[in-house]
């Protein structure tokens, strides 16, 4: 039961990132910078939706086992890798601080990959339901750190010198609701 609570907490922490980006609608922008911001928010929303779906698997506590936790961790790694691939594919935004944005995304990639490695290490060392419960606590902490890292990176990218990316995030349809 504690494992189910941990998984629910994990899903709630991922929701913090989802609240930062709107739906995955196509942007009606005319500028490459807005398209870049739209791509970033779309990738973020897809990632949080996938992590939410992974957490939803644990709604029924009768299905909790070390195998289901291991499967969820593998799926979370895949979702995170897809997110990073999507964000890297955006390339450098065409702004004065475009290289800063790329550098921030590279730092984010390192941080997310480290968190996923830590989660996998913890789960692979677990045995039985007690081990799964213990590992799930690490999962919750690492996913919360991942969600905050994405939010922080977006804020730093948005704070570029010329405010071009800040304006682009405001104009991108998939970033609706971000203050």
C-alpha atoms as a PDB file:
ATOM      1  CA  UNK A   1       0.000   0.000   0.000  1.00  0.00           C
ATOM      2  CA  UNK A   2       2.840   2.385   0.759  1.00  0.00           C
ATOM      3  CA  UNK A   3       4.136   1.679  -2.737  1.00  0.00           C
ATOM      4  CA  UNK A   4       0.817   2.825  -4.186  1.00  0.00           C
ATOM      5  CA  UNK A   5       1.053   6.027  -2.162  1.00  0.00           C
ATOM      6  CA  UNK A   6       4.577   6.585  -3.449  1.00  0.00           C
ATOM      7  CA  UNK A   7       3.469   6.088  -7.042  1.00  0.00           C
ATOM      8  CA  UNK A   8       0.582   8.521  -6.556  1.00  0.00           C
ATOM      9  CA  UNK A   9       3.051  11.061  -5.149  1.00  0.00           C
ATOM     10  CA  UNK A  10       5.267  10.493  -8.186  1.00  0.00           C
ATOM     11  CA  UNK A  11       2.371  11.220 -10.516  1.00  0.00           C
ATOM     12  CA  UNK A  12       1.480  14.357  -8.575  1.00  0.00           C
ATOM     13  CA  UNK A  13       5.031  15.683  -8.816  1.00  0.00           C
ATOM     14  CA  UNK A  14       5.056  15.117 -12.572  1.00  0.00           C
ATOM     15  CA  UNK A  15       1.814  17.088 -12.712  1.00  0.00           C
ATOM     16  CA  UNK A  16       3.811  20.160 -11.670  1.00  0.00           C
ATOM     17  CA  UNK A  17       5.549  20.111 -15.034  1.00  0.00           C
ATOM     18  CA  UNK A  18       2.346  19.353 -16.907  1.00  0.00           C
ATOM     19  CA  UNK A  19       0.764  22.411 -15.365  1.00  0.00           C
ATOM     20  CA  UNK A  20       3.561  24.463 -16.887  1.00  0.00           C
ATOM     21  CA  UNK A  21       2.782  23.506 -20.459  1.00  0.00           C
ATOM     22  CA  UNK A  22      -0.554  23.415 -22.203  1.00  0.00           C
ATOM     23  CA  UNK A  23      -1.918  20.881 -24.644  1.00  0.00           C
ATOM     24  CA  UNK A  24      -0.044  19.616 -27.665  1.00  0.00           C
ATOM     25  CA  UNK A  25      -1.887  21.728 -30.240  1.00  0.00           C
ATOM     26  CA  UNK A  26      -0.032  22.914 -33.312  1.00  0.00           C
ATOM     27  CA  UNK A  27       1.338  26.399 -32.982  1.00  0.00           C
ATOM     28  CA  UNK A  28      -0.079  29.003 -35.329  1.00  0.00           C
ATOM     29  CA  UNK A  29       3.182  30.913 -35.102  1.00  0.00           C
ATOM     30  CA  UNK A  30       4.957  32.415 -38.027  1.00  0.00           C
ATOM     31  CA  UNK A  31       8.430  32.591 -36.474  1.00  0.00           C
ATOM     32  CA  UNK A  32      11.027  29.849 -36.015  1.00  0.00           C
ATOM     33  CA  UNK A  33      11.545  30.982 -32.415  1.00  0.00           C
ATOM     34  CA  UNK A  34       7.877  30.432 -31.538  1.00  0.00           C
ATOM     35  CA  UNK A  35       8.012  27.086 -33.323  1.00  0.00           C
ATOM     36  CA  UNK A  36      11.045  26.177 -31.181  1.00  0.00           C
ATOM     37  CA  UNK A  37       9.206  27.095 -27.971  1.00  0.00           C
ATOM     38  CA  UNK A  38       6.150  25.195 -29.165  1.00  0.00           C
ATOM     39  CA  UNK A  39       8.301  22.135 -29.816  1.00  0.00           C
ATOM     40  CA  UNK A  40       9.811  22.363 -26.343  1.00  0.00           C
ATOM     41  CA  UNK A  41       6.406  22.603 -24.649  1.00  0.00           C
ATOM     42  CA  UNK A  42       4.954  19.837 -26.825  1.00  0.00           C
ATOM     43  CA  UNK A  43       7.862  17.535 -25.896  1.00  0.00           C
ATOM     44  CA  UNK A  44       7.433  18.412 -22.219  1.00  0.00           C
ATOM     45  CA  UNK A  45       3.689  17.758 -22.316  1.00  0.00           C
ATOM     46  CA  UNK A  46       4.178  14.417 -24.066  1.00  0.00           C
ATOM     47  CA  UNK A  47       6.766  13.395 -21.478  1.00  0.00           C
ATOM     48  CA  UNK A  48       4.565  14.302 -18.521  1.00  0.00           C
ATOM     49  CA  UNK A  49       1.556  12.566 -20.127  1.00  0.00           C
ATOM     50  CA  UNK A  50       3.595   9.390 -20.540  1.00  0.00           C
ATOM     51  CA  UNK A  51       4.810   9.513 -16.948  1.00  0.00           C
ATOM     52  CA  UNK A  52       1.222  10.125 -15.818  1.00  0.00           C
ATOM     53  CA  UNK A  53       0.082   7.035 -17.771  1.00  0.00           C
ATOM     54  CA  UNK A  54       2.838   4.990 -16.164  1.00  0.00           C
ATOM     55  CA  UNK A  55       1.683   6.116 -12.716  1.00  0.00           C
ATOM     56  CA  UNK A  56      -1.940   5.334 -13.600  1.00  0.00           C
ATOM     57  CA  UNK A  57      -1.007   1.659 -13.880  1.00  0.00           C
ATOM     58  CA  UNK A  58      -0.732   1.584 -10.107  1.00  0.00           C
ATOM     59  CA  UNK A  59      -4.298   2.702  -9.431  1.00  0.00           C
ATOM     60  CA  UNK A  60      -5.174  -0.916  -8.682  1.00  0.00           C
ATOM     61  CA  UNK A  61      -2.984  -1.927  -5.734  1.00  0.00           C
ATOM     62  CA  UNK A  62      -3.599  -5.616  -6.441  1.00  0.00           C
ATOM     63  CA  UNK A  63      -1.278  -5.322  -9.461  1.00  0.00           C
ATOM     64  CA  UNK A  64       1.662  -3.996  -7.448  1.00  0.00           C
ATOM     65  CA  UNK A  65       4.804  -6.087  -7.674  1.00  0.00           C
ATOM     66  CA  UNK A  66       8.499  -5.682  -8.257  1.00  0.00           C
ATOM     67  CA  UNK A  67       7.918  -6.712 -11.889  1.00  0.00           C
ATOM     68  CA  UNK A  68       5.379  -3.938 -12.447  1.00  0.00           C
ATOM     69  CA  UNK A  69       7.697  -1.396 -10.844  1.00  0.00           C
ATOM     70  CA  UNK A  70      10.609  -2.583 -13.029  1.00  0.00           C
ATOM     71  CA  UNK A  71       8.417  -2.363 -16.137  1.00  0.00           C
ATOM     72  CA  UNK A  72       7.296   1.144 -15.183  1.00  0.00           C
ATOM     73  CA  UNK A  73      10.902   2.238 -14.670  1.00  0.00           C
ATOM     74  CA  UNK A  74      11.841   0.921 -18.129  1.00  0.00           C
ATOM     75  CA  UNK A  75       8.921   2.783 -19.654  1.00  0.00           C
ATOM     76  CA  UNK A  76       9.907   5.953 -17.781  1.00  0.00           C
ATOM     77  CA  UNK A  77      13.451   5.645 -19.150  1.00  0.00           C
ATOM     78  CA  UNK A  78      12.039   5.273 -22.682  1.00  0.00           C
ATOM     79  CA  UNK A  79       9.756   8.294 -22.203  1.00  0.00           C
ATOM     80  CA  UNK A  80      12.635  10.372 -20.870  1.00  0.00           C
ATOM     81  CA  UNK A  81      14.874   9.349 -23.773  1.00  0.00           C
ATOM     82  CA  UNK A  82      12.116  10.277 -26.253  1.00  0.00           C
ATOM     83  CA  UNK A  83      11.738  13.657 -24.534  1.00  0.00           C
ATOM     84  CA  UNK A  84      15.466  14.307 -24.745  1.00  0.00           C
ATOM     85  CA  UNK A  85      15.567  13.198 -28.399  1.00  0.00           C
ATOM     86  CA  UNK A  86      12.660  15.523 -29.228  1.00  0.00           C
ATOM     87  CA  UNK A  87      14.242  18.480 -27.442  1.00  0.00           C
ATOM     88  CA  UNK A  88      17.659  17.868 -29.010  1.00  0.00           C
ATOM     89  CA  UNK A  89      16.013  17.665 -32.443  1.00  0.00           C
ATOM     90  CA  UNK A  90      14.806  21.247 -31.979  1.00  0.00           C
ATOM     91  CA  UNK A  91      18.361  22.412 -32.450  1.00  0.00           C
ATOM     92  CA  UNK A  92      19.492  25.852 -31.497  1.00  0.00           C
ATOM     93  CA  UNK A  93      16.829  28.535 -31.315  1.00  0.00           C
ATOM     94  CA  UNK A  94      17.569  31.454 -33.609  1.00  0.00           C
ATOM     95  CA  UNK A  95      18.071  34.033 -30.869  1.00  0.00           C
ATOM     96  CA  UNK A  96      20.977  35.951 -29.369  1.00  0.00           C
ATOM     97  CA  UNK A  97      21.106  33.438 -26.540  1.00  0.00           C
ATOM     98  CA  UNK A  98      20.423  30.357 -28.646  1.00  0.00           C
ATOM     99  CA  UNK A  99      23.666  28.695 -27.575  1.00  0.00           C
ATOM    100  CA  UNK A 100      22.758  29.320 -23.929  1.00  0.00           C
ATOM    101  CA  UNK A 101      19.496  27.436 -24.542  1.00  0.00           C
ATOM    102  CA  UNK A 102      21.397  24.521 -26.086  1.00  0.00           C
ATOM    103  CA  UNK A 103      23.810  24.491 -23.136  1.00  0.00           C
ATOM    104  CA  UNK A 104      20.877  24.502 -20.685  1.00  0.00           C
ATOM    105  CA  UNK A 105      19.271  21.582 -22.543  1.00  0.00           C
ATOM    106  CA  UNK A 106      22.539  19.637 -22.466  1.00  0.00           C
ATOM    107  CA  UNK A 107      22.732  20.165 -18.694  1.00  0.00           C
ATOM    108  CA  UNK A 108      19.099  19.062 -18.389  1.00  0.00           C
ATOM    109  CA  UNK A 109      19.816  15.912 -20.389  1.00  0.00           C
ATOM    110  CA  UNK A 110      22.695  15.021 -18.062  1.00  0.00           C
ATOM    111  CA  UNK A 111      20.536  15.618 -14.996  1.00  0.00           C
ATOM    112  CA  UNK A 112      17.576  13.579 -16.295  1.00  0.00           C
ATOM    113  CA  UNK A 113      19.791  10.710 -17.415  1.00  0.00           C
ATOM    114  CA  UNK A 114      21.468  10.644 -13.975  1.00  0.00           C
ATOM    115  CA  UNK A 115      18.084  10.525 -12.250  1.00  0.00           C
ATOM    116  CA  UNK A 116      16.895   7.686 -14.465  1.00  0.00           C
ATOM    117  CA  UNK A 117      20.146   5.799 -13.801  1.00  0.00           C
ATOM    118  CA  UNK A 118      19.658   6.272 -10.047  1.00  0.00           C
ATOM    119  CA  UNK A 119      16.078   4.981 -10.293  1.00  0.00           C
ATOM    120  CA  UNK A 120      17.138   1.944 -12.305  1.00  0.00           C
ATOM    121  CA  UNK A 121      19.982   1.212  -9.885  1.00  0.00           C
ATOM    122  CA  UNK A 122      17.632   1.361  -6.905  1.00  0.00           C
ATOM    123  CA  UNK A 123      14.976  -0.841  -8.518  1.00  0.00           C
ATOM    124  CA  UNK A 124      17.469  -3.389  -9.851  1.00  0.00           C
ATOM    125  CA  UNK A 125      18.877  -3.823  -6.327  1.00  0.00           C
ATOM    126  CA  UNK A 126      15.429  -4.392  -4.838  1.00  0.00           C
ATOM    127  CA  UNK A 127      13.933  -7.757  -4.037  1.00  0.00           C
ATOM    128  CA  UNK A 128      10.415  -8.624  -3.034  1.00  0.00           C
ATOM    129  CA  UNK A 129       7.649  -6.246  -2.147  1.00  0.00           C
ATOM    130  CA  UNK A 130       9.665  -4.647   0.666  1.00  0.00           C
ATOM    131  CA  UNK A 131      12.422  -3.816  -1.797  1.00  0.00           C
ATOM    132  CA  UNK A 132       9.876  -2.458  -4.254  1.00  0.00           C
ATOM    133  CA  UNK A 133       8.435  -0.191  -1.578  1.00  0.00           C
ATOM    134  CA  UNK A 134      11.889   1.078  -0.638  1.00  0.00           C
ATOM    135  CA  UNK A 135      12.832   1.625  -4.276  1.00  0.00           C
ATOM    136  CA  UNK A 136       9.596   3.464  -4.935  1.00  0.00           C
ATOM    137  CA  UNK A 137      10.620   6.137  -2.410  1.00  0.00           C
ATOM    138  CA  UNK A 138      13.747   6.812  -4.468  1.00  0.00           C
ATOM    139  CA  UNK A 139      11.623   6.860  -7.614  1.00  0.00           C
ATOM    140  CA  UNK A 140       9.372   9.542  -6.139  1.00  0.00           C
ATOM    141  CA  UNK A 141      12.301  11.737  -5.129  1.00  0.00           C
ATOM    142  CA  UNK A 142      14.101  11.376  -8.460  1.00  0.00           C
ATOM    143  CA  UNK A 143      10.987  12.031 -10.550  1.00  0.00           C
ATOM    144  CA  UNK A 144      10.235  15.121  -8.492  1.00  0.00           C
ATOM    145  CA  UNK A 145      13.810  16.279  -9.124  1.00  0.00           C
ATOM    146  CA  UNK A 146      13.356  15.604 -12.838  1.00  0.00           C
ATOM    147  CA  UNK A 147      10.136  17.623 -12.956  1.00  0.00           C
ATOM    148  CA  UNK A 148      11.788  20.542 -11.172  1.00  0.00           C
ATOM    149  CA  UNK A 149      14.821  20.325 -13.467  1.00  0.00           C
ATOM    150  CA  UNK A 150      12.602  20.665 -16.539  1.00  0.00           C
ATOM    151  CA  UNK A 151      10.795  23.651 -15.000  1.00  0.00           C
ATOM    152  CA  UNK A 152      14.074  25.310 -13.995  1.00  0.00           C
ATOM    153  CA  UNK A 153      15.613  24.762 -17.398  1.00  0.00           C
ATOM    154  CA  UNK A 154      12.606  26.276 -19.106  1.00  0.00           C
ATOM    155  CA  UNK A 155      12.772  29.311 -16.813  1.00  0.00           C
ATOM    156  CA  UNK A 156      16.466  29.823 -17.516  1.00  0.00           C
ATOM    157  CA  UNK A 157      15.928  29.440 -21.265  1.00  0.00           C
ATOM    158  CA  UNK A 158      13.010  31.840 -21.130  1.00  0.00           C
ATOM    159  CA  UNK A 159      15.149  34.435 -19.386  1.00  0.00           C
ATOM    160  CA  UNK A 160      17.353  35.076 -22.405  1.00  0.00           C
ATOM    161  CA  UNK A 161      18.845  38.548 -22.711  1.00  0.00           C
ATOM    162  CA  UNK A 162      16.646  39.756 -25.566  1.00  0.00           C
ATOM    163  CA  UNK A 163      13.434  38.169 -24.204  1.00  0.00           C
ATOM    164  CA  UNK A 164      12.865  36.547 -27.602  1.00  0.00           C
ATOM    165  CA  UNK A 165      12.304  33.106 -26.086  1.00  0.00           C
ATOM    166  CA  UNK A 166      10.137  34.508 -23.306  1.00  0.00           C
ATOM    167  CA  UNK A 167       7.907  36.071 -25.940  1.00  0.00           C
ATOM    168  CA  UNK A 168       8.002  32.855 -27.978  1.00  0.00           C
ATOM    169  CA  UNK A 169       6.856  30.761 -25.004  1.00  0.00           C
ATOM    170  CA  UNK A 170       3.960  33.181 -24.516  1.00  0.00           C
ATOM    171  CA  UNK A 171       2.942  32.917 -28.172  1.00  0.00           C
ATOM    172  CA  UNK A 172       3.311  29.141 -28.599  1.00  0.00           C
ATOM    173  CA  UNK A 173      -0.050  27.376 -28.393  1.00  0.00           C
ATOM    174  CA  UNK A 174       1.332  24.359 -26.526  1.00  0.00           C
ATOM    175  CA  UNK A 175       2.721  26.650 -23.830  1.00  0.00           C
ATOM    176  CA  UNK A 176      -0.650  28.207 -22.916  1.00  0.00           C
ATOM    177  CA  UNK A 177      -1.134  28.700 -19.216  1.00  0.00           C
ATOM    178  CA  UNK A 178       2.464  29.501 -18.430  1.00  0.00           C
ATOM    179  CA  UNK A 179       2.734  32.753 -16.488  1.00  0.00           C
END
